[in-house]
Amino acid sequence: MGFTLAAAFAVMAADAEVVVAELVPAVVAWNRGPLAHLAGQPLNVGPCTVREADVGLVIRASAQTYDAILLDVDNGPED
Protein backbone atom coordinates (compact mmCIF):
# COMPACT_ATOMS: atom_id res chain seq x y z
CA MET A 1 0.00 0.00 0.00
CA GLY A 2 2.99 2.30 -0.43
CA PHE A 3 4.27 2.36 3.15
CA THR A 4 7.67 0.83 2.32
CA LEU A 5 8.17 3.27 -0.55
CA ALA A 6 7.16 6.23 1.63
CA ALA A 7 9.60 5.07 4.33
CA ALA A 8 12.40 4.82 1.74
CA PHE A 9 11.68 8.36 0.51
CA ALA A 10 11.96 9.61 4.09
CA VAL A 11 15.57 8.45 4.47
CA MET A 12 17.10 8.49 1.00
CA ALA A 13 19.25 11.21 -0.50
CA ALA A 14 17.53 13.97 -2.46
CA ASP A 15 19.17 12.85 -5.72
CA ALA A 16 18.39 9.14 -5.28
CA GLU A 17 16.34 7.26 -7.84
CA VAL A 18 13.84 4.52 -7.06
CA VAL A 19 12.59 1.77 -9.33
CA VAL A 20 9.43 0.03 -8.16
CA ALA A 21 8.71 -3.41 -9.61
CA GLU A 22 5.15 -4.65 -9.16
CA LEU A 23 3.91 -7.84 -10.75
CA VAL A 24 0.20 -7.03 -10.43
CA PRO A 25 -0.99 -3.98 -12.42
CA ALA A 26 -4.07 -3.63 -10.18
CA VAL A 27 -1.80 -2.99 -7.18
CA VAL A 28 -0.19 -0.06 -9.00
CA ALA A 29 -3.64 1.29 -9.92
CA TRP A 30 -4.87 0.97 -6.31
CA ASN A 31 -1.77 2.78 -5.05
CA ARG A 32 -2.21 5.60 -7.54
CA GLY A 33 -5.94 5.79 -6.80
CA PRO A 34 -8.08 4.75 -3.83
CA LEU A 35 -5.22 3.66 -1.54
CA ALA A 36 -2.81 6.50 -2.39
CA HIS A 37 -3.75 8.66 0.59
CA LEU A 38 -2.87 5.93 3.12
CA ALA A 39 0.89 6.34 2.64
CA GLY A 40 0.98 9.92 1.37
CA GLN A 41 0.73 9.14 -2.36
CA PRO A 42 4.33 7.96 -2.83
CA LEU A 43 3.76 6.79 -6.42
CA ASN A 44 2.26 10.14 -7.35
CA VAL A 45 4.71 12.49 -5.66
CA GLY A 46 7.98 10.63 -5.17
CA PRO A 47 10.95 10.32 -7.51
CA CYS A 48 10.32 6.83 -8.81
CA THR A 49 9.83 4.78 -11.93
CA VAL A 50 7.23 2.01 -11.81
CA ARG A 51 7.78 -1.18 -13.79
CA GLU A 52 4.81 -3.55 -13.95
CA ALA A 53 6.87 -6.72 -14.14
CA ASP A 54 8.55 -9.43 -12.09
CA VAL A 55 11.26 -7.93 -9.87
CA GLY A 56 13.79 -10.54 -11.01
CA LEU A 57 13.28 -9.58 -14.64
CA VAL A 58 13.55 -5.87 -13.82
CA ILE A 59 16.86 -6.39 -12.00
CA ARG A 60 18.34 -8.64 -14.71
CA ALA A 61 17.25 -6.30 -17.52
CA SER A 62 18.84 -3.23 -15.95
CA ALA A 63 22.23 -1.97 -17.07
CA GLN A 64 22.50 0.05 -13.84
CA THR A 65 23.54 -1.14 -10.42
CA TYR A 66 21.53 -0.69 -7.26
CA ASP A 67 22.68 0.55 -3.86
CA ALA A 68 19.81 -1.26 -2.17
CA ILE A 69 17.06 -3.69 -3.09
CA LEU A 70 14.05 -3.69 -0.79
CA LEU A 71 11.58 -6.53 -1.11
CA ASP A 72 8.13 -5.98 0.33
CA VAL A 73 6.37 -9.32 0.04
CA ASP A 74 2.81 -9.69 1.20
CA ASN A 75 0.82 -12.15 -0.80
CA GLY A 76 -2.28 -12.04 1.36
CA PRO A 77 -3.68 -14.19 4.13
CA GLU A 78 -4.06 -17.33 2.04
CA ASP A 79 -0.33 -17.66 1.19
PDB file of N, CA and C in Angstrom:
ATOM      1  N   MET A   1       0.803  -1.193   0.000  1.00  0.00           N
ATOM      2  CA  MET A   1       0.000   0.000   0.000  1.00  0.00           C
ATOM      3  C   MET A   1       0.849   1.262   0.000  1.00  0.00           C
ATOM      4  N   GLY A   2       2.141   1.121  -0.306  1.00  0.00           N
ATOM      5  CA  GLY A   2       2.989   2.295  -0.431  1.00  0.00           C
ATOM      6  C   GLY A   2       3.786   2.670   0.794  1.00  0.00           C
ATOM      7  N   PHE A   3       3.584   1.977   1.914  1.00  0.00           N
ATOM      8  CA  PHE A   3       4.267   2.356   3.147  1.00  0.00           C
ATOM      9  C   PHE A   3       5.778   2.150   3.066  1.00  0.00           C
ATOM     10  N   THR A   4       6.227   1.065   2.448  1.00  0.00           N
ATOM     11  CA  THR A   4       7.667   0.827   2.316  1.00  0.00           C
ATOM     12  C   THR A   4       8.305   1.882   1.425  1.00  0.00           C
ATOM     13  N   LEU A   5       7.654   2.230   0.338  1.00  0.00           N
ATOM     14  CA  LEU A   5       8.167   3.272  -0.555  1.00  0.00           C
ATOM     15  C   LEU A   5       8.215   4.615   0.151  1.00  0.00           C
ATOM     16  N   ALA A   6       7.177   4.965   0.885  1.00  0.00           N
ATOM     17  CA  ALA A   6       7.159   6.228   1.627  1.00  0.00           C
ATOM     18  C   ALA A   6       8.271   6.262   2.659  1.00  0.00           C
ATOM     19  N   ALA A   7       8.526   5.139   3.332  1.00  0.00           N
ATOM     20  CA  ALA A   7       9.602   5.071   4.325  1.00  0.00           C
ATOM     21  C   ALA A   7      10.963   5.230   3.654  1.00  0.00           C
ATOM     22  N   ALA A   8      11.135   4.670   2.475  1.00  0.00           N
ATOM     23  CA  ALA A   8      12.396   4.822   1.742  1.00  0.00           C
ATOM     24  C   ALA A   8      12.619   6.276   1.354  1.00  0.00           C
ATOM     25  N   PHE A   9      11.569   6.941   0.862  1.00  0.00           N
ATOM     26  CA  PHE A   9      11.683   8.358   0.509  1.00  0.00           C
ATOM     27  C   PHE A   9      12.096   9.201   1.708  1.00  0.00           C
ATOM     28  N   ALA A  10      11.667   8.827   2.884  1.00  0.00           N
ATOM     29  CA  ALA A  10      11.955   9.607   4.089  1.00  0.00           C
ATOM     30  C   ALA A  10      13.428   9.584   4.477  1.00  0.00           C
ATOM     31  N   VAL A  11      14.169   8.563   4.039  1.00  0.00           N
ATOM     32  CA  VAL A  11      15.569   8.446   4.468  1.00  0.00           C
ATOM     33  C   VAL A  11      16.587   8.501   3.329  1.00  0.00           C
ATOM     34  N   MET A  12      16.139   8.517   2.105  1.00  0.00           N
ATOM     35  CA  MET A  12      17.104   8.490   1.001  1.00  0.00           C
ATOM     36  C   MET A  12      17.569   9.900   0.622  1.00  0.00           C
ATOM     37  N   ALA A  13      18.682   9.935  -0.062  1.00  0.00           N
ATOM     38  CA  ALA A  13      19.254  11.210  -0.503  1.00  0.00           C
ATOM     39  C   ALA A  13      18.327  11.882  -1.517  1.00  0.00           C
ATOM     40  N   ALA A  14      18.405  13.192  -1.578  1.00  0.00           N
ATOM     41  CA  ALA A  14      17.533  13.967  -2.465  1.00  0.00           C
ATOM     42  C   ALA A  14      17.719  13.610  -3.937  1.00  0.00           C
ATOM     43  N   ASP A  15      18.912  13.169  -4.318  1.00  0.00           N
ATOM     44  CA  ASP A  15      19.171  12.847  -5.721  1.00  0.00           C
ATOM     45  C   ASP A  15      19.051  11.349  -6.031  1.00  0.00           C
ATOM     46  N   ALA A  16      18.541  10.576  -5.079  1.00  0.00           N
ATOM     47  CA  ALA A  16      18.388   9.136  -5.284  1.00  0.00           C
ATOM     48  C   ALA A  16      17.258   8.846  -6.265  1.00  0.00           C
ATOM     49  N   GLU A  17      17.372   7.710  -6.910  1.00  0.00           N
ATOM     50  CA  GLU A  17      16.338   7.263  -7.837  1.00  0.00           C
ATOM     51  C   GLU A  17      15.794   5.937  -7.346  1.00  0.00           C
ATOM     52  N   VAL A  18      14.497   5.744  -7.508  1.00  0.00           N
ATOM     53  CA  VAL A  18      13.843   4.522  -7.060  1.00  0.00           C
ATOM     54  C   VAL A  18      13.149   3.862  -8.242  1.00  0.00           C
ATOM     55  N   VAL A  19      13.317   2.559  -8.342  1.00  0.00           N
ATOM     56  CA  VAL A  19      12.594   1.766  -9.328  1.00  0.00           C
ATOM     57  C   VAL A  19      11.691   0.826  -8.534  1.00  0.00           C
ATOM     58  N   VAL A  20      10.397   0.908  -8.796  1.00  0.00           N
ATOM     59  CA  VAL A  20       9.427   0.033  -8.160  1.00  0.00           C
ATOM     60  C   VAL A  20       9.026  -1.037  -9.162  1.00  0.00           C
ATOM     61  N   ALA A  21       9.166  -2.307  -8.774  1.00  0.00           N
ATOM     62  CA  ALA A  21       8.709  -3.412  -9.612  1.00  0.00           C
ATOM     63  C   ALA A  21       7.482  -4.022  -8.952  1.00  0.00           C
ATOM     64  N   GLU A  22       6.388  -4.066  -9.676  1.00  0.00           N
ATOM     65  CA  GLU A  22       5.145  -4.654  -9.159  1.00  0.00           C
ATOM     66  C   GLU A  22       4.583  -5.583 -10.216  1.00  0.00           C
ATOM     67  N   LEU A  23       4.371  -6.809  -9.838  1.00  0.00           N
ATOM     68  CA  LEU A  23       3.906  -7.838 -10.751  1.00  0.00           C
ATOM     69  C   LEU A  23       2.433  -7.666 -11.133  1.00  0.00           C
ATOM     70  N   VAL A  24       1.640  -7.118 -10.225  1.00  0.00           N
ATOM     71  CA  VAL A  24       0.195  -7.034 -10.428  1.00  0.00           C
ATOM     72  C   VAL A  24      -0.203  -5.595 -10.779  1.00  0.00           C
ATOM     73  N   PRO A  25      -0.616  -5.345 -12.020  1.00  0.00           N
ATOM     74  CA  PRO A  25      -0.988  -3.983 -12.416  1.00  0.00           C
ATOM     75  C   PRO A  25      -2.079  -3.364 -11.536  1.00  0.00           C
ATOM     76  N   ALA A  26      -2.996  -4.166 -11.035  1.00  0.00           N
ATOM     77  CA  ALA A  26      -4.065  -3.632 -10.183  1.00  0.00           C
ATOM     78  C   ALA A  26      -3.506  -3.014  -8.906  1.00  0.00           C
ATOM     79  N   VAL A  27      -2.407  -3.554  -8.383  1.00  0.00           N
ATOM     80  CA  VAL A  27      -1.797  -2.992  -7.176  1.00  0.00           C
ATOM     81  C   VAL A  27      -1.267  -1.592  -7.463  1.00  0.00           C
ATOM     82  N   VAL A  28      -0.671  -1.399  -8.617  1.00  0.00           N
ATOM     83  CA  VAL A  28      -0.195  -0.065  -9.005  1.00  0.00           C
ATOM     84  C   VAL A  28      -1.384   0.889  -9.126  1.00  0.00           C
ATOM     85  N   ALA A  29      -2.443   0.449  -9.767  1.00  0.00           N
ATOM     86  CA  ALA A  29      -3.637   1.290  -9.924  1.00  0.00           C
ATOM     87  C   ALA A  29      -4.246   1.644  -8.568  1.00  0.00           C
ATOM     88  N   TRP A  30      -4.321   0.692  -7.652  1.00  0.00           N
ATOM     89  CA  TRP A  30      -4.868   0.969  -6.315  1.00  0.00           C
ATOM     90  C   TRP A  30      -4.016   2.003  -5.591  1.00  0.00           C
ATOM     91  N   ASN A  31      -2.674   1.873  -5.763  1.00  0.00           N
ATOM     92  CA  ASN A  31      -1.774   2.782  -5.046  1.00  0.00           C
ATOM     93  C   ASN A  31      -1.666   4.154  -5.700  1.00  0.00           C
ATOM     94  N   ARG A  32      -2.118   4.277  -6.903  1.00  0.00           N
ATOM     95  CA  ARG A  32      -2.214   5.598  -7.538  1.00  0.00           C
ATOM     96  C   ARG A  32      -3.594   6.202  -7.304  1.00  0.00           C
ATOM     97  N   GLY A  33      -4.552   5.361  -6.941  1.00  0.00           N
ATOM     98  CA  GLY A  33      -5.938   5.793  -6.804  1.00  0.00           C
ATOM     99  C   GLY A  33      -6.451   5.700  -5.378  1.00  0.00           C
ATOM    100  N   PRO A  34      -7.359   4.765  -5.108  1.00  0.00           N
ATOM    101  CA  PRO A  34      -8.084   4.749  -3.834  1.00  0.00           C
ATOM    102  C   PRO A  34      -7.233   4.514  -2.589  1.00  0.00           C
ATOM    103  N   LEU A  35      -6.073   3.897  -2.712  1.00  0.00           N
ATOM    104  CA  LEU A  35      -5.216   3.662  -1.537  1.00  0.00           C
ATOM    105  C   LEU A  35      -4.099   4.692  -1.394  1.00  0.00           C
ATOM    106  N   ALA A  36      -3.947   5.570  -2.356  1.00  0.00           N
ATOM    107  CA  ALA A  36      -2.814   6.503  -2.393  1.00  0.00           C
ATOM    108  C   ALA A  36      -2.689   7.343  -1.130  1.00  0.00           C
ATOM    109  N   HIS A  37      -3.792   7.784  -0.577  1.00  0.00           N
ATOM    110  CA  HIS A  37      -3.755   8.662   0.593  1.00  0.00           C
ATOM    111  C   HIS A  37      -3.224   7.976   1.845  1.00  0.00           C
ATOM    112  N   LEU A  38      -3.279   6.651   1.914  1.00  0.00           N
ATOM    113  CA  LEU A  38      -2.870   5.933   3.124  1.00  0.00           C
ATOM    114  C   LEU A  38      -1.386   6.107   3.448  1.00  0.00           C
ATOM    115  N   ALA A  39      -0.552   6.191   2.433  1.00  0.00           N
ATOM    116  CA  ALA A  39       0.892   6.335   2.645  1.00  0.00           C
ATOM    117  C   ALA A  39       1.417   7.667   2.126  1.00  0.00           C
ATOM    118  N   GLY A  40       0.534   8.613   1.844  1.00  0.00           N
ATOM    119  CA  GLY A  40       0.984   9.923   1.375  1.00  0.00           C
ATOM    120  C   GLY A  40       1.234  10.005  -0.118  1.00  0.00           C
ATOM    121  N   GLN A  41       0.630   9.137  -0.893  1.00  0.00           N
ATOM    122  CA  GLN A  41       0.729   9.135  -2.358  1.00  0.00           C
ATOM    123  C   GLN A  41       2.152   9.001  -2.893  1.00  0.00           C
ATOM    124  N   PRO A  42       2.936   8.046  -2.404  1.00  0.00           N
ATOM    125  CA  PRO A  42       4.332   7.963  -2.834  1.00  0.00           C
ATOM    126  C   PRO A  42       4.525   7.714  -4.332  1.00  0.00           C
ATOM    127  N   LEU A  43       3.609   7.001  -4.978  1.00  0.00           N
ATOM    128  CA  LEU A  43       3.763   6.786  -6.422  1.00  0.00           C
ATOM    129  C   LEU A  43       3.458   8.043  -7.215  1.00  0.00           C
ATOM    130  N   ASN A  44       2.662   8.925  -6.642  1.00  0.00           N
ATOM    131  CA  ASN A  44       2.262  10.136  -7.354  1.00  0.00           C
ATOM    132  C   ASN A  44       3.200  11.313  -7.108  1.00  0.00           C
ATOM    133  N   VAL A  45       3.904  11.323  -5.987  1.00  0.00           N
ATOM    134  CA  VAL A  45       4.714  12.494  -5.657  1.00  0.00           C
ATOM    135  C   VAL A  45       6.200  12.196  -5.520  1.00  0.00           C
ATOM    136  N   GLY A  46       6.573  10.956  -5.399  1.00  0.00           N
ATOM    137  CA  GLY A  46       7.978  10.634  -5.173  1.00  0.00           C
ATOM    138  C   GLY A  46       8.754  10.451  -6.453  1.00  0.00           C
ATOM    139  N   PRO A  47      10.080  10.507  -6.337  1.00  0.00           N
ATOM    140  CA  PRO A  47      10.952  10.322  -7.511  1.00  0.00           C
ATOM    141  C   PRO A  47      11.155   8.835  -7.822  1.00  0.00           C
ATOM    142  N   CYS A  48      10.181   8.245  -8.515  1.00  0.00           N
ATOM    143  CA  CYS A  48      10.324   6.826  -8.809  1.00  0.00           C
ATOM    144  C   CYS A  48       9.794   6.483 -10.197  1.00  0.00           C
ATOM    145  N   THR A  49      10.290   5.372 -10.684  1.00  0.00           N
ATOM    146  CA  THR A  49       9.832   4.781 -11.928  1.00  0.00           C
ATOM    147  C   THR A  49       9.140   3.476 -11.565  1.00  0.00           C
ATOM    148  N   VAL A  50       7.968   3.238 -12.093  1.00  0.00           N
ATOM    149  CA  VAL A  50       7.234   2.013 -11.811  1.00  0.00           C
ATOM    150  C   VAL A  50       7.329   1.086 -13.014  1.00  0.00           C
ATOM    151  N   ARG A  51       7.727  -0.141 -12.764  1.00  0.00           N
ATOM    152  CA  ARG A  51       7.777  -1.180 -13.787  1.00  0.00           C
ATOM    153  C   ARG A  51       6.770  -2.258 -13.389  1.00  0.00           C
ATOM    154  N   GLU A  52       5.795  -2.497 -14.221  1.00  0.00           N
ATOM    155  CA  GLU A  52       4.809  -3.546 -13.951  1.00  0.00           C
ATOM    156  C   GLU A  52       5.359  -4.843 -14.527  1.00  0.00           C
ATOM    157  N   ALA A  53       6.182  -5.506 -13.704  1.00  0.00           N
ATOM    158  CA  ALA A  53       6.870  -6.720 -14.139  1.00  0.00           C
ATOM    159  C   ALA A  53       7.438  -7.444 -12.923  1.00  0.00           C
ATOM    160  N   ASP A  54       7.897  -8.648 -13.134  1.00  0.00           N
ATOM    161  CA  ASP A  54       8.551  -9.427 -12.090  1.00  0.00           C
ATOM    162  C   ASP A  54       9.849  -8.743 -11.673  1.00  0.00           C
ATOM    163  N   VAL A  55      10.084  -8.636 -10.389  1.00  0.00           N
ATOM    164  CA  VAL A  55      11.261  -7.932  -9.874  1.00  0.00           C
ATOM    165  C   VAL A  55      12.561  -8.560 -10.383  1.00  0.00           C
ATOM    166  N   GLY A  56      12.594  -9.875 -10.495  1.00  0.00           N
ATOM    167  CA  GLY A  56      13.794 -10.539 -11.010  1.00  0.00           C
ATOM    168  C   GLY A  56      14.107 -10.130 -12.431  1.00  0.00           C
ATOM    169  N   LEU A  57      13.087 -10.021 -13.247  1.00  0.00           N
ATOM    170  CA  LEU A  57      13.277  -9.583 -14.638  1.00  0.00           C
ATOM    171  C   LEU A  57      13.730  -8.134 -14.702  1.00  0.00           C
ATOM    172  N   VAL A  58      13.170  -7.288 -13.844  1.00  0.00           N
ATOM    173  CA  VAL A  58      13.551  -5.870 -13.816  1.00  0.00           C
ATOM    174  C   VAL A  58      15.027  -5.731 -13.445  1.00  0.00           C
ATOM    175  N   ILE A  59      15.460  -6.462 -12.436  1.00  0.00           N
ATOM    176  CA  ILE A  59      16.860  -6.386 -11.997  1.00  0.00           C
ATOM    177  C   ILE A  59      17.790  -6.903 -13.090  1.00  0.00           C
ATOM    178  N   ARG A  60      17.473  -8.061 -13.673  1.00  0.00           N
ATOM    179  CA  ARG A  60      18.341  -8.639 -14.708  1.00  0.00           C
ATOM    180  C   ARG A  60      18.396  -7.782 -15.966  1.00  0.00           C
ATOM    181  N   ALA A  61      17.302  -7.101 -16.296  1.00  0.00           N
ATOM    182  CA  ALA A  61      17.252  -6.297 -17.525  1.00  0.00           C
ATOM    183  C   ALA A  61      17.943  -4.948 -17.387  1.00  0.00           C
ATOM    184  N   SER A  62      18.275  -4.554 -16.173  1.00  0.00           N
ATOM    185  CA  SER A  62      18.838  -3.228 -15.946  1.00  0.00           C
ATOM    186  C   SER A  62      20.339  -3.206 -16.191  1.00  0.00           C
ATOM    187  N   ALA A  63      20.792  -2.163 -16.868  1.00  0.00           N
ATOM    188  CA  ALA A  63      22.230  -1.966 -17.067  1.00  0.00           C
ATOM    189  C   ALA A  63      22.845  -1.257 -15.869  1.00  0.00           C
ATOM    190  N   GLN A  64      22.000  -0.689 -15.006  1.00  0.00           N
ATOM    191  CA  GLN A  64      22.499   0.052 -13.837  1.00  0.00           C
ATOM    192  C   GLN A  64      22.706  -0.889 -12.657  1.00  0.00           C
ATOM    193  N   THR A  65      23.404  -0.400 -11.668  1.00  0.00           N
ATOM    194  CA  THR A  65      23.544  -1.136 -10.420  1.00  0.00           C
ATOM    195  C   THR A  65      22.648  -0.476  -9.377  1.00  0.00           C
ATOM    196  N   TYR A  66      22.388  -1.189  -8.323  1.00  0.00           N
ATOM    197  CA  TYR A  66      21.526  -0.686  -7.264  1.00  0.00           C
ATOM    198  C   TYR A  66      22.311  -0.603  -5.959  1.00  0.00           C
ATOM    199  N   ASP A  67      22.077   0.430  -5.182  1.00  0.00           N
ATOM    200  CA  ASP A  67      22.684   0.550  -3.861  1.00  0.00           C
ATOM    201  C   ASP A  67      21.922  -0.276  -2.836  1.00  0.00           C
ATOM    202  N   ALA A  68      20.643  -0.460  -3.070  1.00  0.00           N
ATOM    203  CA  ALA A  68      19.808  -1.259  -2.171  1.00  0.00           C
ATOM    204  C   ALA A  68      18.661  -1.858  -2.960  1.00  0.00           C
ATOM    205  N   ILE A  69      18.246  -3.046  -2.539  1.00  0.00           N
ATOM    206  CA  ILE A  69      17.061  -3.685  -3.093  1.00  0.00           C
ATOM    207  C   ILE A  69      16.180  -4.044  -1.906  1.00  0.00           C
ATOM    208  N   LEU A  70      15.001  -3.439  -1.866  1.00  0.00           N
ATOM    209  CA  LEU A  70      14.046  -3.690  -0.791  1.00  0.00           C
ATOM    210  C   LEU A  70      12.929  -4.558  -1.340  1.00  0.00           C
ATOM    211  N   LEU A  71      12.666  -5.660  -0.686  1.00  0.00           N
ATOM    212  CA  LEU A  71      11.578  -6.531  -1.107  1.00  0.00           C
ATOM    213  C   LEU A  71      10.466  -6.457  -0.086  1.00  0.00           C
ATOM    214  N   ASP A  72       9.300  -6.077  -0.530  1.00  0.00           N
ATOM    215  CA  ASP A  72       8.126  -5.984   0.331  1.00  0.00           C
ATOM    216  C   ASP A  72       7.158  -7.049  -0.159  1.00  0.00           C
ATOM    217  N   VAL A  73       7.178  -8.200   0.498  1.00  0.00           N
ATOM    218  CA  VAL A  73       6.365  -9.316   0.039  1.00  0.00           C
ATOM    219  C   VAL A  73       5.212  -9.560   0.993  1.00  0.00           C
ATOM    220  N   ASP A  74       4.029  -9.394   0.466  1.00  0.00           N
ATOM    221  CA  ASP A  74       2.806  -9.693   1.203  1.00  0.00           C
ATOM    222  C   ASP A  74       1.821 -10.229   0.192  1.00  0.00           C
ATOM    223  N   ASN A  75       1.684 -11.511   0.190  1.00  0.00           N
ATOM    224  CA  ASN A  75       0.820 -12.148  -0.798  1.00  0.00           C
ATOM    225  C   ASN A  75      -0.574 -12.458  -0.274  1.00  0.00           C
ATOM    226  N   GLY A  76      -0.929 -11.854   0.841  1.00  0.00           N
ATOM    227  CA  GLY A  76      -2.275 -12.037   1.362  1.00  0.00           C
ATOM    228  C   GLY A  76      -2.365 -13.142   2.392  1.00  0.00           C
ATOM    229  N   PRO A  77      -3.511 -13.239   3.029  1.00  0.00           N
ATOM    230  CA  PRO A  77      -3.677 -14.187   4.130  1.00  0.00           C
ATOM    231  C   PRO A  77      -3.700 -15.653   3.713  1.00  0.00           C
ATOM    232  N   GLU A  78      -3.984 -15.934   2.451  1.00  0.00           N
ATOM    233  CA  GLU A  78      -4.063 -17.325   2.042  1.00  0.00           C
ATOM    234  C   GLU A  78      -2.716 -17.936   1.675  1.00  0.00           C
ATOM    235  N   ASP A  79      -1.659 -17.143   1.574  1.00  0.00           N
ATOM    236  CA  ASP A  79      -0.330 -17.663   1.194  1.00  0.00           C
ATOM    237  C   ASP A  79       0.529 -17.915   2.399  1.00  0.00           C
TER     238      ASP A  79
END
